[in-house]
Amino acid sequence: VAVGSGGSLSAAHFLAQTHQGLAGQLA
């Protein structure tokens, strides 16, 4: 679960997308 607000919410989206793409795990 990636948590952020404001601009850091975009970073959270990036983390979740990267986690799913490279780790192969749900985010």
mmCIF file of all heavy atoms, coordinates in Angstrom:
data_MODEL
# 
_entry.id   MODEL 
# 
loop_
_atom_site.group_PDB 
_atom_site.id 
_atom_site.type_symbol 
_atom_site.label_atom_id 
_atom_site.label_alt_id 
_atom_site.label_comp_id 
_atom_site.label_asym_id 
_atom_site.label_entity_id 
_atom_site.label_seq_id 
_atom_site.pdbx_PDB_ins_code 
_atom_site.Cartn_x 
_atom_site.Cartn_y 
_atom_site.Cartn_z 
_atom_site.occupancy 
_atom_site.B_iso_or_equiv 
_atom_site.pdbx_formal_charge 
_atom_site.auth_seq_id 
_atom_site.auth_comp_id 
_atom_site.auth_asym_id 
_atom_site.auth_atom_id 
_atom_site.pdbx_PDB_model_num 
ATOM 1   N N   . VAL A 1 1  ? 0.866  -1.176  0.000   1.00 0.00 ? 1  VAL A N   1 
ATOM 2   C CA  . VAL A 1 1  ? 0.000  0.000   0.000   1.00 0.00 ? 1  VAL A CA  1 
ATOM 3   C C   . VAL A 1 1  ? 0.902  1.225   0.000   1.00 0.00 ? 1  VAL A C   1 
ATOM 4   O O   . VAL A 1 1  ? 1.717  1.405   0.905   1.00 0.00 ? 1  VAL A O   1 
ATOM 5   C CB  . VAL A 1 1  ? -0.930 0.026   1.225   1.00 0.00 ? 1  VAL A CB  1 
ATOM 6   C CG1 . VAL A 1 1  ? -1.822 1.269   1.184   1.00 0.00 ? 1  VAL A CG1 1 
ATOM 7   C CG2 . VAL A 1 1  ? -1.781 -1.235  1.290   1.00 0.00 ? 1  VAL A CG2 1 
ATOM 8   N N   . ALA A 1 2  ? 0.784  2.049   -1.037  1.00 0.00 ? 2  ALA A N   1 
ATOM 9   C CA  . ALA A 1 2  ? 1.596  3.258   -1.172  1.00 0.00 ? 2  ALA A CA  1 
ATOM 10  C C   . ALA A 1 2  ? 0.752  4.460   -0.778  1.00 0.00 ? 2  ALA A C   1 
ATOM 11  O O   . ALA A 1 2  ? -0.333 4.669   -1.327  1.00 0.00 ? 2  ALA A O   1 
ATOM 12  C CB  . ALA A 1 2  ? 2.094  3.405   -2.606  1.00 0.00 ? 2  ALA A CB  1 
ATOM 13  N N   . VAL A 1 3  ? 1.255  5.261   0.177   1.00 0.00 ? 3  VAL A N   1 
ATOM 14  C CA  . VAL A 1 3  ? 0.471  6.337   0.773   1.00 0.00 ? 3  VAL A CA  1 
ATOM 15  C C   . VAL A 1 3  ? 1.156  7.675   0.519   1.00 0.00 ? 3  VAL A C   1 
ATOM 16  O O   . VAL A 1 3  ? 2.356  7.838   0.762   1.00 0.00 ? 3  VAL A O   1 
ATOM 17  C CB  . VAL A 1 3  ? 0.304  6.122   2.289   1.00 0.00 ? 3  VAL A CB  1 
ATOM 18  C CG1 . VAL A 1 3  ? -0.619 7.179   2.886   1.00 0.00 ? 3  VAL A CG1 1 
ATOM 19  C CG2 . VAL A 1 3  ? -0.230 4.722   2.584   1.00 0.00 ? 3  VAL A CG2 1 
ATOM 20  N N   . GLY A 1 4  ? 0.391  8.635   0.050   1.00 0.00 ? 4  GLY A N   1 
ATOM 21  C CA  . GLY A 1 4  ? 0.918  9.978   -0.159  1.00 0.00 ? 4  GLY A CA  1 
ATOM 22  C C   . GLY A 1 4  ? -0.217 10.961  -0.341  1.00 0.00 ? 4  GLY A C   1 
ATOM 23  O O   . GLY A 1 4  ? -1.373 10.574  -0.569  1.00 0.00 ? 4  GLY A O   1 
ATOM 24  N N   . SER A 1 5  ? 0.095  12.239  -0.252  1.00 0.00 ? 5  SER A N   1 
ATOM 25  C CA  . SER A 1 5  ? -0.898 13.281  -0.484  1.00 0.00 ? 5  SER A CA  1 
ATOM 26  C C   . SER A 1 5  ? -0.263 14.384  -1.301  1.00 0.00 ? 5  SER A C   1 
ATOM 27  O O   . SER A 1 5  ? 0.960  14.554  -1.300  1.00 0.00 ? 5  SER A O   1 
ATOM 28  C CB  . SER A 1 5  ? -1.444 13.830  0.843   1.00 0.00 ? 5  SER A CB  1 
ATOM 29  O OG  . SER A 1 5  ? -0.386 14.309  1.649   1.00 0.00 ? 5  SER A OG  1 
ATOM 30  N N   . GLY A 1 6  ? -1.085 15.150  -2.017  1.00 0.00 ? 6  GLY A N   1 
ATOM 31  C CA  . GLY A 1 6  ? -0.559 16.206  -2.878  1.00 0.00 ? 6  GLY A CA  1 
ATOM 32  C C   . GLY A 1 6  ? 0.371  15.642  -3.925  1.00 0.00 ? 6  GLY A C   1 
ATOM 33  O O   . GLY A 1 6  ? 0.082  14.634  -4.571  1.00 0.00 ? 6  GLY A O   1 
ATOM 34  N N   . GLY A 1 7  ? 1.546  16.264  -4.072  1.00 0.00 ? 7  GLY A N   1 
ATOM 35  C CA  . GLY A 1 7  ? 2.514  15.781  -5.051  1.00 0.00 ? 7  GLY A CA  1 
ATOM 36  C C   . GLY A 1 7  ? 3.046  14.411  -4.713  1.00 0.00 ? 7  GLY A C   1 
ATOM 37  O O   . GLY A 1 7  ? 3.399  13.621  -5.597  1.00 0.00 ? 7  GLY A O   1 
ATOM 38  N N   . SER A 1 8  ? 3.104  14.079  -3.419  1.00 0.00 ? 8  SER A N   1 
ATOM 39  C CA  . SER A 1 8  ? 3.586  12.760  -3.019  1.00 0.00 ? 8  SER A CA  1 
ATOM 40  C C   . SER A 1 8  ? 2.603  11.656  -3.384  1.00 0.00 ? 8  SER A C   1 
ATOM 41  O O   . SER A 1 8  ? 2.971  10.480  -3.400  1.00 0.00 ? 8  SER A O   1 
ATOM 42  C CB  . SER A 1 8  ? 3.868  12.733  -1.517  1.00 0.00 ? 8  SER A CB  1 
ATOM 43  O OG  . SER A 1 8  ? 4.980  13.561  -1.207  1.00 0.00 ? 8  SER A OG  1 
ATOM 44  N N   . LEU A 1 9  ? 1.353  12.016  -3.667  1.00 0.00 ? 9  LEU A N   1 
ATOM 45  C CA  . LEU A 1 9  ? 0.410  11.001  -4.139  1.00 0.00 ? 9  LEU A CA  1 
ATOM 46  C C   . LEU A 1 9  ? 0.829  10.509  -5.523  1.00 0.00 ? 9  LEU A C   1 
ATOM 47  O O   . LEU A 1 9  ? 0.665  9.326   -5.838  1.00 0.00 ? 9  LEU A O   1 
ATOM 48  C CB  . LEU A 1 9  ? -1.009 11.568  -4.181  1.00 0.00 ? 9  LEU A CB  1 
ATOM 49  C CG  . LEU A 1 9  ? -2.108 10.569  -4.559  1.00 0.00 ? 9  LEU A CG  1 
ATOM 50  C CD1 . LEU A 1 9  ? -2.148 9.399   -3.585  1.00 0.00 ? 9  LEU A CD1 1 
ATOM 51  C CD2 . LEU A 1 9  ? -3.471 11.265  -4.610  1.00 0.00 ? 9  LEU A CD2 1 
ATOM 52  N N   . SER A 1 10 ? 1.389  11.391  -6.337  1.00 0.00 ? 10 SER A N   1 
ATOM 53  C CA  . SER A 1 10 ? 1.932  10.959  -7.626  1.00 0.00 ? 10 SER A CA  1 
ATOM 54  C C   . SER A 1 10 ? 3.093  9.996   -7.422  1.00 0.00 ? 10 SER A C   1 
ATOM 55  O O   . SER A 1 10 ? 3.233  9.005   -8.145  1.00 0.00 ? 10 SER A O   1 
ATOM 56  C CB  . SER A 1 10 ? 2.400  12.166  -8.447  1.00 0.00 ? 10 SER A CB  1 
ATOM 57  O OG  . SER A 1 10 ? 1.315  12.989  -8.817  1.00 0.00 ? 10 SER A OG  1 
ATOM 58  N N   . ALA A 1 11 ? 3.929  10.273  -6.425  1.00 0.00 ? 11 ALA A N   1 
ATOM 59  C CA  . ALA A 1 11 ? 5.026  9.357   -6.102  1.00 0.00 ? 11 ALA A CA  1 
ATOM 60  C C   . ALA A 1 11 ? 4.480  8.016   -5.645  1.00 0.00 ? 11 ALA A C   1 
ATOM 61  O O   . ALA A 1 11 ? 5.039  6.958   -5.956  1.00 0.00 ? 11 ALA A O   1 
ATOM 62  C CB  . ALA A 1 11 ? 5.927  9.967   -5.029  1.00 0.00 ? 11 ALA A CB  1 
ATOM 63  N N   . ALA A 1 12 ? 3.382  8.038   -4.889  1.00 0.00 ? 12 ALA A N   1 
ATOM 64  C CA  . ALA A 1 12 ? 2.757  6.799   -4.442  1.00 0.00 ? 12 ALA A CA  1 
ATOM 65  C C   . ALA A 1 12 ? 2.226  6.006   -5.631  1.00 0.00 ? 12 ALA A C   1 
ATOM 66  O O   . ALA A 1 12 ? 2.365  4.774   -5.683  1.00 0.00 ? 12 ALA A O   1 
ATOM 67  C CB  . ALA A 1 12 ? 1.634  7.102   -3.454  1.00 0.00 ? 12 ALA A CB  1 
ATOM 68  N N   . HIS A 1 13 ? 1.615  6.684   -6.592  1.00 0.00 ? 13 HIS A N   1 
ATOM 69  C CA  . HIS A 1 13 ? 1.161  6.022   -7.819  1.00 0.00 ? 13 HIS A CA  1 
ATOM 70  C C   . HIS A 1 13 ? 2.343  5.395   -8.546  1.00 0.00 ? 13 HIS A C   1 
ATOM 71  O O   . HIS A 1 13 ? 2.251  4.273   -9.056  1.00 0.00 ? 13 HIS A O   1 
ATOM 72  C CB  . HIS A 1 13 ? 0.447  7.016   -8.734  1.00 0.00 ? 13 HIS A CB  1 
ATOM 73  C CG  . HIS A 1 13 ? -0.994 7.220   -8.405  1.00 0.00 ? 13 HIS A CG  1 
ATOM 74  N ND1 . HIS A 1 13 ? -1.980 6.347   -8.808  1.00 0.00 ? 13 HIS A ND1 1 
ATOM 75  C CD2 . HIS A 1 13 ? -1.619 8.197   -7.703  1.00 0.00 ? 13 HIS A CD2 1 
ATOM 76  C CE1 . HIS A 1 13 ? -3.157 6.773   -8.384  1.00 0.00 ? 13 HIS A CE1 1 
ATOM 77  N NE2 . HIS A 1 13 ? -2.974 7.896   -7.713  1.00 0.00 ? 13 HIS A NE2 1 
ATOM 78  N N   . PHE A 1 14 ? 3.446  6.122   -8.597  1.00 0.00 ? 14 PHE A N   1 
ATOM 79  C CA  . PHE A 1 14 ? 4.635  5.603   -9.278  1.00 0.00 ? 14 PHE A CA  1 
ATOM 80  C C   . PHE A 1 14 ? 5.159  4.360   -8.565  1.00 0.00 ? 14 PHE A C   1 
ATOM 81  O O   . PHE A 1 14 ? 5.514  3.360   -9.211  1.00 0.00 ? 14 PHE A O   1 
ATOM 82  C CB  . PHE A 1 14 ? 5.722  6.679   -9.332  1.00 0.00 ? 14 PHE A CB  1 
ATOM 83  C CG  . PHE A 1 14 ? 6.877  6.318   -10.224 1.00 0.00 ? 14 PHE A CG  1 
ATOM 84  C CD1 . PHE A 1 14 ? 6.890  6.712   -11.550 1.00 0.00 ? 14 PHE A CD1 1 
ATOM 85  C CD2 . PHE A 1 14 ? 7.941  5.568   -9.745  1.00 0.00 ? 14 PHE A CD2 1 
ATOM 86  C CE1 . PHE A 1 14 ? 7.944  6.364   -12.388 1.00 0.00 ? 14 PHE A CE1 1 
ATOM 87  C CE2 . PHE A 1 14 ? 8.992  5.215   -10.564 1.00 0.00 ? 14 PHE A CE2 1 
ATOM 88  C CZ  . PHE A 1 14 ? 8.994  5.611   -11.890 1.00 0.00 ? 14 PHE A CZ  1 
ATOM 89  N N   . LEU A 1 15 ? 5.215  4.406   -7.239  1.00 0.00 ? 15 LEU A N   1 
ATOM 90  C CA  . LEU A 1 15 ? 5.673  3.253   -6.470  1.00 0.00 ? 15 LEU A CA  1 
ATOM 91  C C   . LEU A 1 15 ? 4.770  2.046   -6.711  1.00 0.00 ? 15 LEU A C   1 
ATOM 92  O O   . LEU A 1 15 ? 5.257  0.930   -6.936  1.00 0.00 ? 15 LEU A O   1 
ATOM 93  C CB  . LEU A 1 15 ? 5.707  3.605   -4.978  1.00 0.00 ? 15 LEU A CB  1 
ATOM 94  C CG  . LEU A 1 15 ? 5.922  2.446   -4.002  1.00 0.00 ? 15 LEU A CG  1 
ATOM 95  C CD1 . LEU A 1 15 ? 7.225  1.712   -4.295  1.00 0.00 ? 15 LEU A CD1 1 
ATOM 96  C CD2 . LEU A 1 15 ? 5.902  2.951   -2.558  1.00 0.00 ? 15 LEU A CD2 1 
ATOM 97  N N   . ALA A 1 16 ? 3.462  2.243   -6.646  1.00 0.00 ? 16 ALA A N   1 
ATOM 98  C CA  . ALA A 1 16 ? 2.529  1.131   -6.834  1.00 0.00 ? 16 ALA A CA  1 
ATOM 99  C C   . ALA A 1 16 ? 2.673  0.523   -8.229  1.00 0.00 ? 16 ALA A C   1 
ATOM 100 O O   . ALA A 1 16 ? 2.681  -0.706  -8.392  1.00 0.00 ? 16 ALA A O   1 
ATOM 101 C CB  . ALA A 1 16 ? 1.102  1.605   -6.598  1.00 0.00 ? 16 ALA A CB  1 
ATOM 102 N N   . GLN A 1 17 ? 2.795  1.380   -9.242  1.00 0.00 ? 17 GLN A N   1 
ATOM 103 C CA  . GLN A 1 17 ? 2.952  0.883   -10.609 1.00 0.00 ? 17 GLN A CA  1 
ATOM 104 C C   . GLN A 1 17 ? 4.260  0.107   -10.760 1.00 0.00 ? 17 GLN A C   1 
ATOM 105 O O   . GLN A 1 17 ? 4.305  -0.954  -11.396 1.00 0.00 ? 17 GLN A O   1 
ATOM 106 C CB  . GLN A 1 17 ? 2.921  2.066   -11.582 1.00 0.00 ? 17 GLN A CB  1 
ATOM 107 C CG  . GLN A 1 17 ? 3.097  1.672   -13.045 1.00 0.00 ? 17 GLN A CG  1 
ATOM 108 C CD  . GLN A 1 17 ? 2.916  2.858   -13.965 1.00 0.00 ? 17 GLN A CD  1 
ATOM 109 O OE1 . GLN A 1 17 ? 1.928  3.601   -13.843 1.00 0.00 ? 17 GLN A OE1 1 
ATOM 110 N NE2 . GLN A 1 17 ? 3.838  3.064   -14.892 1.00 0.00 ? 17 GLN A NE2 1 
ATOM 111 N N   . THR A 1 18 ? 5.331  0.621   -10.175 1.00 0.00 ? 18 THR A N   1 
ATOM 112 C CA  . THR A 1 18 ? 6.629  -0.048  -10.258 1.00 0.00 ? 18 THR A CA  1 
ATOM 113 C C   . THR A 1 18 ? 6.609  -1.371  -9.507  1.00 0.00 ? 18 THR A C   1 
ATOM 114 O O   . THR A 1 18 ? 7.165  -2.376  -9.964  1.00 0.00 ? 18 THR A O   1 
ATOM 115 C CB  . THR A 1 18 ? 7.730  0.864   -9.682  1.00 0.00 ? 18 THR A CB  1 
ATOM 116 O OG1 . THR A 1 18 ? 7.709  2.122   -10.370 1.00 0.00 ? 18 THR A OG1 1 
ATOM 117 C CG2 . THR A 1 18 ? 9.103  0.240   -9.835  1.00 0.00 ? 18 THR A CG2 1 
ATOM 118 N N   . HIS A 1 19 ? 5.956  -1.385  -8.355  1.00 0.00 ? 19 HIS A N   1 
ATOM 119 C CA  . HIS A 1 19 ? 5.861  -2.613  -7.551  1.00 0.00 ? 19 HIS A CA  1 
ATOM 120 C C   . HIS A 1 19 ? 5.135  -3.707  -8.342  1.00 0.00 ? 19 HIS A C   1 
ATOM 121 O O   . HIS A 1 19 ? 5.573  -4.859  -8.367  1.00 0.00 ? 19 HIS A O   1 
ATOM 122 C CB  . HIS A 1 19 ? 5.116  -2.302  -6.255  1.00 0.00 ? 19 HIS A CB  1 
ATOM 123 C CG  . HIS A 1 19 ? 5.123  -3.425  -5.264  1.00 0.00 ? 19 HIS A CG  1 
ATOM 124 N ND1 . HIS A 1 19 ? 6.230  -3.757  -4.528  1.00 0.00 ? 19 HIS A ND1 1 
ATOM 125 C CD2 . HIS A 1 19 ? 4.150  -4.296  -4.878  1.00 0.00 ? 19 HIS A CD2 1 
ATOM 126 C CE1 . HIS A 1 19 ? 5.948  -4.776  -3.735  1.00 0.00 ? 19 HIS A CE1 1 
ATOM 127 N NE2 . HIS A 1 19 ? 4.696  -5.134  -3.933  1.00 0.00 ? 19 HIS A NE2 1 
ATOM 128 N N   . GLN A 1 20 ? 4.039  -3.341  -8.971  1.00 0.00 ? 20 GLN A N   1 
ATOM 129 C CA  . GLN A 1 20 ? 3.285  -4.331  -9.739  1.00 0.00 ? 20 GLN A CA  1 
ATOM 130 C C   . GLN A 1 20 ? 4.044  -4.780  -10.971 1.00 0.00 ? 20 GLN A C   1 
ATOM 131 O O   . GLN A 1 20 ? 4.047  -5.967  -11.324 1.00 0.00 ? 20 GLN A O   1 
ATOM 132 C CB  . GLN A 1 20 ? 1.913  -3.775  -10.129 1.00 0.00 ? 20 GLN A CB  1 
ATOM 133 C CG  . GLN A 1 20 ? 1.010  -3.539  -8.941  1.00 0.00 ? 20 GLN A CG  1 
ATOM 134 C CD  . GLN A 1 20 ? -0.422 -3.246  -9.323  1.00 0.00 ? 20 GLN A CD  1 
ATOM 135 O OE1 . GLN A 1 20 ? -1.343 -3.584  -8.600  1.00 0.00 ? 20 GLN A OE1 1 
ATOM 136 N NE2 . GLN A 1 20 ? -0.640 -2.588  -10.445 1.00 0.00 ? 20 GLN A NE2 1 
ATOM 137 N N   . GLY A 1 21 ? 4.732  -3.850  -11.612 1.00 0.00 ? 21 GLY A N   1 
ATOM 138 C CA  . GLY A 1 21 ? 5.424  -4.181  -12.845 1.00 0.00 ? 21 GLY A CA  1 
ATOM 139 C C   . GLY A 1 21 ? 6.681  -4.996  -12.655 1.00 0.00 ? 21 GLY A C   1 
ATOM 140 O O   . GLY A 1 21 ? 6.955  -5.930  -13.421 1.00 0.00 ? 21 GLY A O   1 
ATOM 141 N N   . LEU A 1 22 ? 7.461  -4.671  -11.616 1.00 0.00 ? 22 LEU A N   1 
ATOM 142 C CA  . LEU A 1 22 ? 8.761  -5.335  -11.428 1.00 0.00 ? 22 LEU A CA  1 
ATOM 143 C C   . LEU A 1 22 ? 8.741  -6.413  -10.356 1.00 0.00 ? 22 LEU A C   1 
ATOM 144 O O   . LEU A 1 22 ? 9.452  -7.415  -10.477 1.00 0.00 ? 22 LEU A O   1 
ATOM 145 C CB  . LEU A 1 22 ? 9.830  -4.297  -11.103 1.00 0.00 ? 22 LEU A CB  1 
ATOM 146 C CG  . LEU A 1 22 ? 10.215 -3.374  -12.268 1.00 0.00 ? 22 LEU A CG  1 
ATOM 147 C CD1 . LEU A 1 22 ? 11.234 -2.326  -11.821 1.00 0.00 ? 22 LEU A CD1 1 
ATOM 148 C CD2 . LEU A 1 22 ? 10.765 -4.167  -13.438 1.00 0.00 ? 22 LEU A CD2 1 
ATOM 149 N N   . ALA A 1 23 ? 7.948  -6.233  -9.295  1.00 0.00 ? 23 ALA A N   1 
ATOM 150 C CA  . ALA A 1 23 ? 7.877  -7.259  -8.256  1.00 0.00 ? 23 ALA A CA  1 
ATOM 151 C C   . ALA A 1 23 ? 6.797  -8.291  -8.557  1.00 0.00 ? 23 ALA A C   1 
ATOM 152 O O   . ALA A 1 23 ? 6.800  -9.378  -7.980  1.00 0.00 ? 23 ALA A O   1 
ATOM 153 C CB  . ALA A 1 23 ? 7.627  -6.625  -6.890  1.00 0.00 ? 23 ALA A CB  1 
ATOM 154 N N   . GLY A 1 24 ? 5.871  -7.936  -9.456  1.00 0.00 ? 24 GLY A N   1 
ATOM 155 C CA  . GLY A 1 24 ? 4.798  -8.871  -9.788  1.00 0.00 ? 24 GLY A CA  1 
ATOM 156 C C   . GLY A 1 24 ? 3.814  -9.079  -8.659  1.00 0.00 ? 24 GLY A C   1 
ATOM 157 O O   . GLY A 1 24 ? 3.147  -10.104 -8.584  1.00 0.00 ? 24 GLY A O   1 
ATOM 158 N N   . GLN A 1 25 ? 3.688  -8.084  -7.768  1.00 0.00 ? 25 GLN A N   1 
ATOM 159 C CA  . GLN A 1 25 ? 2.787  -8.169  -6.624  1.00 0.00 ? 25 GLN A CA  1 
ATOM 160 C C   . GLN A 1 25 ? 1.729  -7.071  -6.723  1.00 0.00 ? 25 GLN A C   1 
ATOM 161 O O   . GLN A 1 25 ? 1.963  -6.011  -7.295  1.00 0.00 ? 25 GLN A O   1 
ATOM 162 C CB  . GLN A 1 25 ? 3.561  -8.000  -5.321  1.00 0.00 ? 25 GLN A CB  1 
ATOM 163 C CG  . GLN A 1 25 ? 4.605  -9.058  -5.062  1.00 0.00 ? 25 GLN A CG  1 
ATOM 164 C CD  . GLN A 1 25 ? 4.000  -10.374 -4.626  1.00 0.00 ? 25 GLN A CD  1 
ATOM 165 O OE1 . GLN A 1 25 ? 2.814  -10.449 -4.292  1.00 0.00 ? 25 GLN A OE1 1 
ATOM 166 N NE2 . GLN A 1 25 ? 4.802  -11.423 -4.610  1.00 0.00 ? 25 GLN A NE2 1 
ATOM 167 N N   . LEU A 1 26 ? 0.573  -7.347  -6.134  1.00 0.00 ? 26 LEU A N   1 
ATOM 168 C CA  . LEU A 1 26 ? -0.480 -6.348  -6.126  1.00 0.00 ? 26 LEU A CA  1 
ATOM 169 C C   . LEU A 1 26 ? -0.072 -5.140  -5.291  1.00 0.00 ? 26 LEU A C   1 
ATOM 170 O O   . LEU A 1 26 ? 0.636  -5.271  -4.287  1.00 0.00 ? 26 LEU A O   1 
ATOM 171 C CB  . LEU A 1 26 ? -1.772 -6.935  -5.559  1.00 0.00 ? 26 LEU A CB  1 
ATOM 172 C CG  . LEU A 1 26 ? -2.525 -7.934  -6.445  1.00 0.00 ? 26 LEU A CG  1 
ATOM 173 C CD1 . LEU A 1 26 ? -3.691 -8.531  -5.676  1.00 0.00 ? 26 LEU A CD1 1 
ATOM 174 C CD2 . LEU A 1 26 ? -3.020 -7.259  -7.716  1.00 0.00 ? 26 LEU A CD2 1 
ATOM 175 N N   . ALA A 1 27 ? -0.526 -3.975  -5.718  1.00 0.00 ? 27 ALA A N   1 
ATOM 176 C CA  . ALA A 1 27 ? -0.275 -2.745  -4.960  1.00 0.00 ? 27 ALA A CA  1 
ATOM 177 C C   . ALA A 1 27 ? -1.485 -1.844  -5.121  1.00 0.00 ? 27 ALA A C   1 
ATOM 178 O O   . ALA A 1 27 ? -2.155 -1.863  -6.149  1.00 0.00 ? 27 ALA A O   1 
ATOM 179 C CB  . ALA A 1 27 ? 0.985  -2.046  -5.458  1.00 0.00 ? 27 ALA A CB  1 
# 
